[in-house]
Amino acid sequence: MSKEYILDVGKKAQRNYGIDLLRVLSMCLIIILHILGKGGVLSSAVGSQYAVGWFLEVVAYCSVDCYAIISGYVCYTESEKRHKYAKYIIMWFQVLVYSVGITLLFCFIYPSVIDVKTIIKAFFPVAFSQYWYFTAYTGLFFMIPWLNRFIRRCTSKELTRVVVVIFALFSCYSTVVALVADPFLLKEGYSFLWLTYMYIAGAWIKKTNGEKKLNTIKVLTFIGVFVLITYGIKMCIPIIFNKIFGVYFGENVLINYTSPTVVGMAILLLVLFSRVNLPSYISRMINFVTPAIFGVYLLHVHPLVYQYIISGQFAYIAKMSPWMLPVFVIGWAFIIFIFGILIDIVRIYIFRMLRISSFADRLEKIARFFGDKTVDLLSKLG
């Protein structure tokens, strides 16, 4: 997950709160993925619990793609706009606070799990990929101005061709060959390259007004079809391979971020939520929590929290009845979400008191000055 909310463009009156609601939902689904996976629910579940757990996993799997697609949908504009690098600086400080702060907290609570290497990594979150999404998003952020220029210069038809070709190569073809290889180094979607494609997909929807071309019934129907296809293949393919070849194989062929069905779900959810009209009081609530959403991710996916607090702690849920399993998974996801929001709201107020935003603006001006001077010098040399 990434702090795409810092990339919102336009005035508040133009804000699409349906998209912000999708951000909230996506983060909750990301937490569900982590509870099911790292939390130990799926690895401990059998029988009906296994079936229910994996259905939740399939439904939630499009959440990361949703985040990246939202970036493209929100960031792209038909008119040229100044790219605000200060937003990344603020984001980097936010990541640093969580990376270093949680590590120092562990130094006092669990000193036995901390060594010098762990502390060094905490101070360099991008270099050591403390958070894979932030590392991948860093590359994407600095490419956005040029991606937007490329997209502006394409006609809607040309951009559609680009999206179709990339989808055919990076999603459809890669999913098939992923059983034996990773030819484009997509790492099942855990990569800068994949986030870049998702950004282009989001911008394509906005440029072509794609969110207006399907009615809601069709959107919901297609989402349901994609979920059933993904879930059906997950549950049936291993059994078929076992009966024919005597081995379990291919069960997760569609369970990755690059899967065509997962991408389809993410795109359709964006289309669906872009049309949502919220009552003013709900819009105000969404507006209040949106800036803190990325903090939820930074808190619960910190490597130390992930390894020593999340790992295996939810395995007991797999022993519950199939009806109670989703209740507890969703309930814990909600608790973690609210706790993360409250923590990051405190961080936001501290940043305001320290005037981090003004400091980031000054750093951007300095960086632009030296950057422009360097470009001018290289141009003269060329």
Protein backbone atom coordinates (compact mmCIF):
# COMPACT_ATOMS: atom_id res chain seq x y z
CA MET A 1 0.00 0.00 0.00
CA SER A 2 1.04 3.45 -0.73
CA LYS A 3 0.04 6.88 0.24
CA GLU A 4 -1.80 7.64 -2.93
CA TYR A 5 -3.94 10.13 -1.09
CA ILE A 6 -1.04 12.59 -1.20
CA LEU A 7 -1.43 12.65 -4.97
CA ASP A 8 -5.00 13.90 -5.01
CA VAL A 9 -5.44 16.71 -7.49
CA GLY A 10 -8.07 19.37 -7.76
CA LYS A 11 -9.93 21.32 -5.14
CA LYS A 12 -11.86 19.81 -2.30
CA ALA A 13 -15.13 20.52 -4.03
CA GLN A 14 -14.01 18.30 -6.89
CA ARG A 15 -12.96 15.43 -4.68
CA ASN A 16 -14.53 12.06 -5.43
CA TYR A 17 -15.31 10.62 -2.02
CA GLY A 18 -16.32 7.33 -3.60
CA ILE A 19 -12.68 6.85 -4.55
CA ASP A 20 -11.63 7.69 -0.99
CA LEU A 21 -14.13 5.12 0.26
CA LEU A 22 -12.46 2.58 -2.04
CA ARG A 23 -9.14 3.45 -0.38
CA VAL A 24 -10.65 2.67 3.00
CA LEU A 25 -12.09 -0.62 1.74
CA SER A 26 -8.80 -1.53 0.02
CA MET A 27 -6.79 -1.02 3.21
CA CYS A 28 -9.25 -3.16 5.18
CA LEU A 29 -8.94 -5.87 2.53
CA ILE A 30 -5.13 -5.64 2.70
CA ILE A 31 -5.32 -6.24 6.47
CA ILE A 32 -7.61 -9.21 5.82
CA LEU A 33 -5.00 -10.65 3.44
CA HIS A 34 -2.35 -10.36 6.14
CA ILE A 35 -4.54 -11.89 8.84
CA LEU A 36 -5.35 -14.83 6.58
CA GLY A 37 -1.81 -15.28 5.29
CA LYS A 38 0.86 -14.17 7.74
CA GLY A 39 -1.63 -14.42 10.59
CA GLY A 40 -1.84 -18.17 10.03
CA VAL A 41 -5.52 -18.65 9.28
CA LEU A 42 -5.09 -20.24 5.85
CA SER A 43 -2.19 -22.48 6.86
CA SER A 44 -4.18 -23.82 9.84
CA ALA A 45 -7.59 -24.18 8.20
CA VAL A 46 -9.01 -27.47 6.94
CA GLY A 47 -12.31 -28.55 5.45
CA SER A 48 -15.05 -25.94 5.37
CA GLN A 49 -12.86 -23.41 7.17
CA TYR A 50 -10.26 -23.79 4.42
CA ALA A 51 -12.90 -23.14 1.76
CA VAL A 52 -14.27 -20.08 3.57
CA GLY A 53 -10.81 -18.71 4.32
CA TRP A 54 -9.71 -18.94 0.71
CA PHE A 55 -12.93 -17.33 -0.50
CA LEU A 56 -12.12 -14.33 1.70
CA GLU A 57 -8.57 -14.35 0.33
CA VAL A 58 -9.79 -14.31 -3.27
CA VAL A 59 -12.23 -11.47 -2.61
CA ALA A 60 -9.53 -9.40 -0.88
CA TYR A 61 -6.69 -10.07 -3.31
CA CYS A 62 -7.46 -7.17 -5.66
CA SER A 63 -6.88 -4.63 -2.87
CA VAL A 64 -3.26 -3.78 -3.74
CA ASP A 65 -4.10 -3.37 -7.43
CA CYS A 66 -6.95 -1.06 -6.39
CA TYR A 67 -4.48 1.20 -4.58
CA ALA A 68 -2.17 1.45 -7.58
CA ILE A 69 -5.02 2.01 -10.05
CA ILE A 70 -6.40 4.77 -7.83
CA SER A 71 -3.04 6.55 -8.16
CA GLY A 72 -3.39 6.73 -11.93
CA TYR A 73 -7.06 7.66 -11.83
CA VAL A 74 -6.49 10.48 -9.33
CA CYS A 75 -3.10 11.77 -10.53
CA TYR A 76 -3.70 11.94 -14.24
CA THR A 77 -5.06 15.21 -15.64
CA GLU A 78 -5.57 16.31 -19.23
CA SER A 79 -3.89 19.64 -18.44
CA GLU A 80 -0.22 19.89 -17.47
CA LYS A 81 0.28 20.33 -13.74
CA ARG A 82 3.36 20.94 -11.65
CA HIS A 83 4.46 17.72 -9.98
CA LYS A 84 4.79 18.37 -6.24
CA TYR A 85 7.88 16.49 -5.08
CA ALA A 86 7.34 17.87 -1.58
CA LYS A 87 4.53 15.34 -1.24
CA TYR A 88 7.01 12.51 -1.60
CA ILE A 89 9.30 14.14 0.98
CA ILE A 90 6.42 14.24 3.47
CA MET A 91 5.62 10.63 2.64
CA TRP A 92 9.25 9.62 3.14
CA PHE A 93 9.31 11.29 6.57
CA GLN A 94 6.13 9.43 7.47
CA VAL A 95 7.70 6.12 6.48
CA LEU A 96 10.88 7.00 8.40
CA VAL A 97 8.89 7.78 11.56
CA TYR A 98 7.24 4.35 11.50
CA SER A 99 10.32 2.47 10.38
CA VAL A 100 12.62 3.96 13.03
CA GLY A 101 9.98 4.50 15.72
CA ILE A 102 8.74 0.92 15.79
CA THR A 103 12.30 -0.42 15.65
CA LEU A 104 13.28 1.70 18.67
CA LEU A 105 10.15 0.55 20.47
CA PHE A 106 11.20 -3.05 19.90
CA CYS A 107 14.63 -2.20 21.33
CA PHE A 108 12.93 -1.67 24.69
CA ILE A 109 10.21 -4.33 24.47
CA TYR A 110 12.00 -7.16 22.61
CA PRO A 111 15.71 -6.23 22.62
CA SER A 112 16.70 -9.81 21.79
CA VAL A 113 15.29 -9.50 18.23
CA ILE A 114 17.17 -6.27 17.44
CA ASP A 115 20.70 -6.09 16.04
CA VAL A 116 22.77 -3.40 14.35
CA LYS A 117 21.68 -4.48 10.86
CA THR A 118 18.00 -4.12 11.82
CA ILE A 119 18.59 -0.59 13.10
CA ILE A 120 20.50 0.44 9.97
CA LYS A 121 17.71 -0.92 7.76
CA ALA A 122 15.15 1.12 9.70
CA PHE A 123 16.92 4.37 8.77
CA PHE A 124 17.00 3.48 5.06
CA PRO A 125 13.49 2.20 4.31
CA VAL A 126 13.79 2.46 0.51
CA ALA A 127 17.31 1.09 0.13
CA PHE A 128 16.49 -1.98 2.23
CA SER A 129 12.86 -2.24 1.09
CA GLN A 130 11.37 -2.12 4.58
CA TYR A 131 8.02 -1.73 2.87
CA TRP A 132 7.96 -3.26 -0.61
CA TYR A 133 5.06 -1.10 -1.80
CA PHE A 134 6.75 2.13 -0.78
CA THR A 135 9.97 1.09 -2.46
CA ALA A 136 8.15 0.25 -5.71
CA TYR A 137 6.02 3.37 -5.44
CA THR A 138 9.13 5.53 -5.05
CA GLY A 139 10.18 4.64 -8.58
CA LEU A 140 6.64 5.22 -9.85
CA PHE A 141 6.30 8.61 -8.15
CA PHE A 142 9.29 10.09 -9.94
CA MET A 143 8.08 8.73 -13.28
CA ILE A 144 4.56 10.18 -12.99
CA PRO A 145 5.22 13.50 -14.84
CA TRP A 146 6.55 11.64 -17.88
CA LEU A 147 3.89 8.95 -17.73
CA ASN A 148 1.25 11.68 -17.72
CA ARG A 149 2.86 13.42 -20.70
CA PHE A 150 2.92 10.17 -22.62
CA ILE A 151 -0.74 9.49 -21.79
CA ARG A 152 -1.79 13.03 -22.78
CA ARG A 153 -0.15 12.68 -26.17
CA CYS A 154 -1.97 9.42 -26.87
CA THR A 155 -5.45 9.45 -28.29
CA SER A 156 -8.01 7.41 -26.37
CA LYS A 157 -7.79 4.70 -29.01
CA GLU A 158 -3.97 4.61 -28.92
CA LEU A 159 -3.93 4.43 -25.13
CA THR A 160 -6.48 1.63 -25.21
CA ARG A 161 -4.17 -0.32 -27.51
CA VAL A 162 -1.26 0.26 -25.13
CA VAL A 163 -3.30 -1.01 -22.18
CA VAL A 164 -4.53 -4.06 -24.11
CA VAL A 165 -1.00 -5.00 -25.23
CA ILE A 166 0.44 -4.60 -21.75
CA PHE A 167 -2.47 -6.53 -20.26
CA ALA A 168 -1.95 -9.35 -22.75
CA LEU A 169 1.79 -9.54 -22.01
CA PHE A 170 2.10 -8.67 -18.33
CA SER A 171 -1.14 -10.15 -17.06
CA CYS A 172 -2.47 -12.91 -19.32
CA TYR A 173 0.78 -14.33 -20.72
CA SER A 174 2.73 -13.81 -17.48
CA THR A 175 0.04 -15.58 -15.46
CA VAL A 176 0.23 -18.66 -17.69
CA VAL A 177 4.04 -18.90 -17.74
CA ALA A 178 4.32 -17.94 -14.05
CA LEU A 179 3.84 -21.64 -13.29
CA VAL A 180 7.41 -22.17 -14.52
CA ALA A 181 9.04 -18.73 -15.01
CA ASP A 182 8.83 -14.96 -14.52
CA PRO A 183 10.00 -13.60 -17.91
CA PHE A 184 9.27 -9.92 -17.19
CA LEU A 185 10.45 -9.96 -13.56
CA LEU A 186 7.05 -8.86 -12.29
CA LYS A 187 7.52 -10.79 -9.02
CA GLU A 188 3.77 -11.58 -8.99
CA GLY A 189 3.06 -7.84 -8.84
CA TYR A 190 5.53 -6.96 -6.08
CA SER A 191 7.44 -4.60 -8.35
CA PHE A 192 7.81 -1.06 -9.65
CA LEU A 193 7.01 -2.28 -13.16
CA TRP A 194 3.64 -3.67 -12.14
CA LEU A 195 2.65 -0.53 -10.20
CA THR A 196 3.53 1.49 -13.30
CA TYR A 197 1.16 -0.60 -15.43
CA MET A 198 -1.58 -0.23 -12.82
CA TYR A 199 -1.02 3.52 -12.86
CA ILE A 200 -1.43 3.58 -16.65
CA ALA A 201 -4.61 1.50 -16.31
CA GLY A 202 -6.06 4.00 -13.83
CA ALA A 203 -5.15 6.95 -16.06
CA TRP A 204 -6.66 5.11 -19.06
CA ILE A 205 -9.99 4.76 -17.24
CA LYS A 206 -10.00 8.48 -16.49
CA LYS A 207 -8.90 9.61 -19.96
CA THR A 208 -11.44 7.45 -21.77
CA ASN A 209 -14.24 7.98 -19.22
CA GLY A 210 -14.27 4.23 -18.83
CA GLU A 211 -16.08 4.46 -15.49
CA LYS A 212 -19.20 5.64 -17.35
CA LYS A 213 -19.37 2.93 -20.00
CA LEU A 214 -20.75 0.03 -17.96
CA ASN A 215 -23.91 0.09 -15.90
CA THR A 216 -23.76 -0.92 -12.26
CA ILE A 217 -25.50 -4.26 -12.78
CA LYS A 218 -22.91 -5.31 -15.37
CA VAL A 219 -20.05 -4.15 -13.15
CA LEU A 220 -21.31 -6.17 -10.18
CA THR A 221 -21.95 -9.19 -12.43
CA PHE A 222 -18.42 -9.13 -13.85
CA ILE A 223 -16.90 -8.74 -10.38
CA GLY A 224 -18.87 -11.79 -9.24
CA VAL A 225 -17.76 -13.78 -12.30
CA PHE A 226 -14.09 -12.91 -11.73
CA VAL A 227 -14.34 -13.92 -8.07
CA LEU A 228 -15.97 -17.24 -8.94
CA ILE A 229 -13.44 -18.00 -11.70
CA THR A 230 -10.50 -17.26 -9.41
CA TYR A 231 -11.96 -19.20 -6.51
CA GLY A 232 -13.10 -22.09 -8.68
CA ILE A 233 -9.67 -22.55 -10.24
CA LYS A 234 -8.02 -22.30 -6.81
CA MET A 235 -10.21 -25.06 -5.43
CA CYS A 236 -10.51 -27.32 -8.50
CA ILE A 237 -7.19 -27.23 -10.40
CA PRO A 238 -5.16 -29.00 -7.67
CA ILE A 239 -7.73 -31.79 -7.47
CA ILE A 240 -7.72 -32.25 -11.25
CA PHE A 241 -3.92 -32.36 -11.41
CA ASN A 242 -3.81 -34.79 -8.51
CA LYS A 243 -6.28 -37.16 -10.16
CA ILE A 244 -4.50 -37.08 -13.53
CA PHE A 245 -0.82 -36.74 -12.59
CA GLY A 246 -0.79 -37.63 -8.91
CA VAL A 247 0.58 -34.20 -7.86
CA TYR A 248 -0.91 -30.94 -6.63
CA PHE A 249 -0.04 -28.18 -9.07
CA GLY A 250 -1.31 -24.80 -10.28
CA GLU A 251 -3.60 -24.02 -7.35
CA ASN A 252 -2.42 -20.40 -7.11
CA VAL A 253 -2.25 -19.67 -10.83
CA LEU A 254 -4.76 -16.81 -10.46
CA ILE A 255 -3.85 -15.86 -6.88
CA ASN A 256 -1.42 -13.03 -7.55
CA TYR A 257 -1.60 -9.32 -8.28
CA THR A 258 -0.88 -9.78 -11.99
CA SER A 259 -3.73 -12.26 -12.53
CA PRO A 260 -6.23 -11.16 -15.22
CA THR A 261 -9.17 -11.84 -12.93
CA VAL A 262 -7.61 -9.95 -10.02
CA VAL A 263 -6.81 -6.98 -12.28
CA GLY A 264 -10.36 -7.13 -13.63
CA MET A 265 -11.81 -7.00 -10.12
CA ALA A 266 -9.65 -3.98 -9.23
CA ILE A 267 -10.63 -2.05 -12.36
CA LEU A 268 -14.31 -2.79 -11.88
CA LEU A 269 -14.22 -1.78 -8.22
CA LEU A 270 -12.74 1.56 -9.26
CA VAL A 271 -15.53 1.96 -11.82
CA LEU A 272 -18.12 1.05 -9.19
CA PHE A 273 -16.86 3.33 -6.42
CA SER A 274 -16.24 6.28 -8.75
CA ARG A 275 -20.04 6.52 -9.07
CA VAL A 276 -20.82 6.40 -5.36
CA ASN A 277 -22.55 9.46 -3.97
CA LEU A 278 -22.13 9.69 -0.22
CA PRO A 279 -24.16 11.70 2.30
CA SER A 280 -22.29 14.78 3.51
CA TYR A 281 -21.70 13.41 7.02
CA ILE A 282 -20.09 10.23 5.62
CA SER A 283 -18.00 12.33 3.22
CA ARG A 284 -16.70 14.32 6.18
CA MET A 285 -15.78 11.11 8.00
CA ILE A 286 -14.01 9.75 4.93
CA ASN A 287 -12.19 13.06 4.46
CA PHE A 288 -11.02 12.88 8.10
CA VAL A 289 -9.57 9.36 7.94
CA THR A 290 -8.18 9.40 4.37
CA PRO A 291 -4.86 11.14 5.21
CA ALA A 292 -4.17 8.49 7.86
CA ILE A 293 -4.86 5.39 5.77
CA PHE A 294 -1.26 4.82 4.69
CA GLY A 295 -0.24 4.87 8.34
CA VAL A 296 -2.37 1.77 8.90
CA TYR A 297 -0.19 -0.06 6.39
CA LEU A 298 3.08 1.28 7.81
CA LEU A 299 2.09 0.25 11.31
CA HIS A 300 1.00 -3.33 10.82
CA VAL A 301 3.40 -4.29 7.99
CA HIS A 302 6.55 -3.04 9.67
CA PRO A 303 8.93 -6.03 9.38
CA LEU A 304 9.17 -6.46 13.17
CA VAL A 305 5.43 -6.13 13.76
CA TYR A 306 4.73 -8.45 10.85
CA GLN A 307 7.17 -11.09 12.08
CA TYR A 308 6.70 -10.98 15.85
CA ILE A 309 3.15 -9.72 16.38
CA ILE A 310 1.10 -10.62 13.28
CA SER A 311 2.79 -13.92 12.35
CA GLY A 312 0.69 -16.91 13.43
CA GLN A 313 -1.34 -14.92 15.94
CA PHE A 314 -4.66 -15.50 14.21
CA ALA A 315 -4.33 -19.23 13.58
CA TYR A 316 -6.93 -19.91 16.30
CA ILE A 317 -9.61 -18.41 14.01
CA ALA A 318 -9.18 -21.40 11.67
CA LYS A 319 -10.63 -23.63 14.39
CA MET A 320 -13.88 -21.71 14.56
CA SER A 321 -17.05 -22.60 12.69
CA PRO A 322 -17.18 -21.62 9.00
CA TRP A 323 -19.77 -18.99 9.89
CA MET A 324 -17.72 -17.37 12.62
CA LEU A 325 -14.40 -17.40 10.72
CA PRO A 326 -15.23 -14.43 8.44
CA VAL A 327 -16.76 -12.54 11.38
CA PHE A 328 -13.53 -12.74 13.39
CA VAL A 329 -11.27 -12.05 10.40
CA ILE A 330 -13.26 -8.97 9.40
CA GLY A 331 -13.62 -7.91 13.04
CA TRP A 332 -9.86 -8.02 13.65
CA ALA A 333 -9.23 -6.19 10.38
CA PHE A 334 -11.56 -3.43 11.53
CA ILE A 335 -9.84 -3.20 14.94
CA ILE A 336 -6.38 -2.99 13.34
CA PHE A 337 -7.65 -0.40 10.88
CA ILE A 338 -9.13 1.85 13.58
CA PHE A 339 -6.05 1.49 15.80
CA GLY A 340 -3.80 2.40 12.87
CA ILE A 341 -5.95 5.41 11.98
CA LEU A 342 -5.82 6.73 15.56
CA ILE A 343 -2.03 6.34 15.70
CA ASP A 344 -1.50 8.13 12.39
CA ILE A 345 -3.85 10.98 13.30
CA VAL A 346 -1.47 11.69 16.18
CA ARG A 347 1.43 11.59 13.70
CA ILE A 348 -0.40 14.05 11.43
CA TYR A 349 -0.84 16.57 14.26
CA ILE A 350 2.82 16.24 15.23
CA PHE A 351 3.85 16.87 11.63
CA ARG A 352 1.68 19.97 11.57
CA MET A 353 3.22 21.30 14.77
CA LEU A 354 6.71 20.67 13.39
CA ARG A 355 5.72 22.30 10.08
CA ILE A 356 7.02 19.34 8.10
CA SER A 357 5.02 20.46 5.07
CA SER A 358 6.80 23.84 4.93
CA PHE A 359 10.14 22.12 5.41
CA ALA A 360 9.34 19.74 2.54
CA ASP A 361 8.44 22.70 0.31
CA ARG A 362 11.81 24.30 1.01
CA LEU A 363 13.63 21.05 0.27
CA GLU A 364 11.75 20.78 -3.02
CA LYS A 365 12.77 24.31 -4.02
CA ILE A 366 16.41 23.55 -3.24
CA ALA A 367 16.26 20.24 -5.16
CA ARG A 368 14.60 21.94 -8.14
CA PHE A 369 17.25 24.68 -8.17
CA PHE A 370 20.16 22.25 -8.27
CA GLY A 371 18.29 19.93 -10.61
CA ASP A 372 17.64 22.73 -13.10
CA LYS A 373 21.27 23.86 -12.91
CA THR A 374 22.46 20.29 -13.55
CA VAL A 375 20.14 19.91 -16.55
CA ASP A 376 21.29 23.23 -17.99
CA LEU A 377 24.94 22.22 -17.61
CA LEU A 378 24.38 18.80 -19.21
CA SER A 379 22.44 20.44 -22.07
CA LYS A 380 25.34 22.73 -22.79
CA LEU A 381 27.79 19.85 -22.72
CA GLY A 382 25.57 17.94 -25.14
